[in-house]
Amino acid sequence: MPSMPISKADAQAYLDRWSMVRDAEAEQLRATPMETKARQLASLMESRELFGEDPTREREIDEVRSRWVRLRQVLGG
């Protein structure tokens, strides 16, 4: 499906709408009581058992660690 070009005004309106969404989500998060956040986190942690083992997980973790090492080296950290 070919993409249709959008005007600069339409692109700005799109970005503005997503900015409003981001701001609203941030406000909702700030307004959420810590107890609720803790319960949500606990629920997520308990649900981990619902999913099977990921055979690529360790390899992906190693890749991420390698990227951080390279970034630190490049950035002089």
Protein backbone atom coordinates (compact mmCIF):
# COMPACT_ATOMS: atom_id res chain seq x y z
CA MET A 1 0.00 0.00 0.00
CA PRO A 2 1.65 3.26 -1.09
CA SER A 3 1.97 5.94 1.54
CA MET A 4 0.37 9.31 0.97
CA PRO A 5 2.46 12.37 1.75
CA ILE A 6 1.06 14.58 4.48
CA SER A 7 1.31 18.31 4.81
CA LYS A 8 3.54 19.98 7.35
CA ALA A 9 0.44 21.18 9.21
CA ASP A 10 -1.00 17.66 9.34
CA ALA A 11 2.31 16.28 10.60
CA GLN A 12 2.47 18.97 13.30
CA ALA A 13 -1.13 18.27 14.33
CA TYR A 14 -0.28 14.56 14.58
CA LEU A 15 2.75 15.30 16.78
CA ASP A 16 0.72 17.71 18.91
CA ARG A 17 -1.96 15.07 19.52
CA TRP A 18 0.65 12.52 20.61
CA SER A 19 2.22 15.13 22.85
CA MET A 20 -1.16 15.62 24.54
CA VAL A 21 -1.52 11.84 24.93
CA ARG A 22 1.96 11.61 26.48
CA ASP A 23 1.16 14.45 28.87
CA ALA A 24 -2.17 12.88 29.88
CA GLU A 25 -0.51 9.50 30.50
CA ALA A 26 2.21 11.13 32.59
CA GLU A 27 -0.41 12.95 34.67
CA GLN A 28 -2.37 9.73 35.19
CA LEU A 29 0.81 7.97 36.28
CA ARG A 30 1.65 10.75 38.74
CA ALA A 31 -1.89 10.56 40.14
CA THR A 32 -1.79 6.77 40.60
CA PRO A 33 -1.25 5.88 44.26
CA MET A 34 1.99 4.04 45.08
CA GLU A 35 -0.04 1.15 46.51
CA THR A 36 -1.74 0.66 43.14
CA LYS A 37 1.59 0.78 41.32
CA ALA A 38 3.01 -1.81 43.72
CA ARG A 39 0.04 -4.12 43.18
CA GLN A 40 0.37 -3.75 39.40
CA LEU A 41 4.07 -4.56 39.58
CA ALA A 42 3.43 -7.59 41.79
CA SER A 43 0.78 -8.80 39.36
CA LEU A 44 3.16 -8.46 36.43
CA MET A 45 5.88 -10.32 38.27
CA GLU A 46 3.49 -13.16 39.18
CA SER A 47 2.25 -13.44 35.59
CA ARG A 48 5.76 -14.28 34.37
CA GLU A 49 5.00 -17.94 35.05
CA LEU A 50 2.20 -17.83 32.46
CA PHE A 51 4.77 -17.62 29.71
CA GLY A 52 7.14 -20.38 28.67
CA GLU A 53 10.89 -20.20 28.72
CA ASP A 54 12.39 -18.03 26.03
CA PRO A 55 15.29 -19.93 24.47
CA THR A 56 16.78 -16.73 23.02
CA ARG A 57 16.63 -14.72 26.26
CA GLU A 58 20.19 -15.36 27.45
CA ARG A 59 21.63 -14.63 24.02
CA GLU A 60 19.64 -11.39 23.82
CA ILE A 61 20.79 -10.36 27.31
CA ASP A 62 24.39 -10.98 26.27
CA GLU A 63 23.88 -8.85 23.14
CA VAL A 64 22.48 -5.97 25.18
CA ARG A 65 25.38 -6.19 27.63
CA SER A 66 27.84 -6.16 24.72
CA ARG A 67 26.17 -3.06 23.29
CA TRP A 68 26.44 -1.27 26.63
CA VAL A 69 30.14 -2.19 26.83
CA ARG A 70 30.72 -0.81 23.32
CA LEU A 71 28.78 2.36 24.14
CA ARG A 72 30.81 2.93 27.28
CA GLN A 73 34.02 2.43 25.33
CA VAL A 74 32.97 4.84 22.58
CA LEU A 75 31.72 7.44 25.05
CA GLY A 76 34.80 7.10 27.23
CA GLY A 77 32.93 5.81 30.25
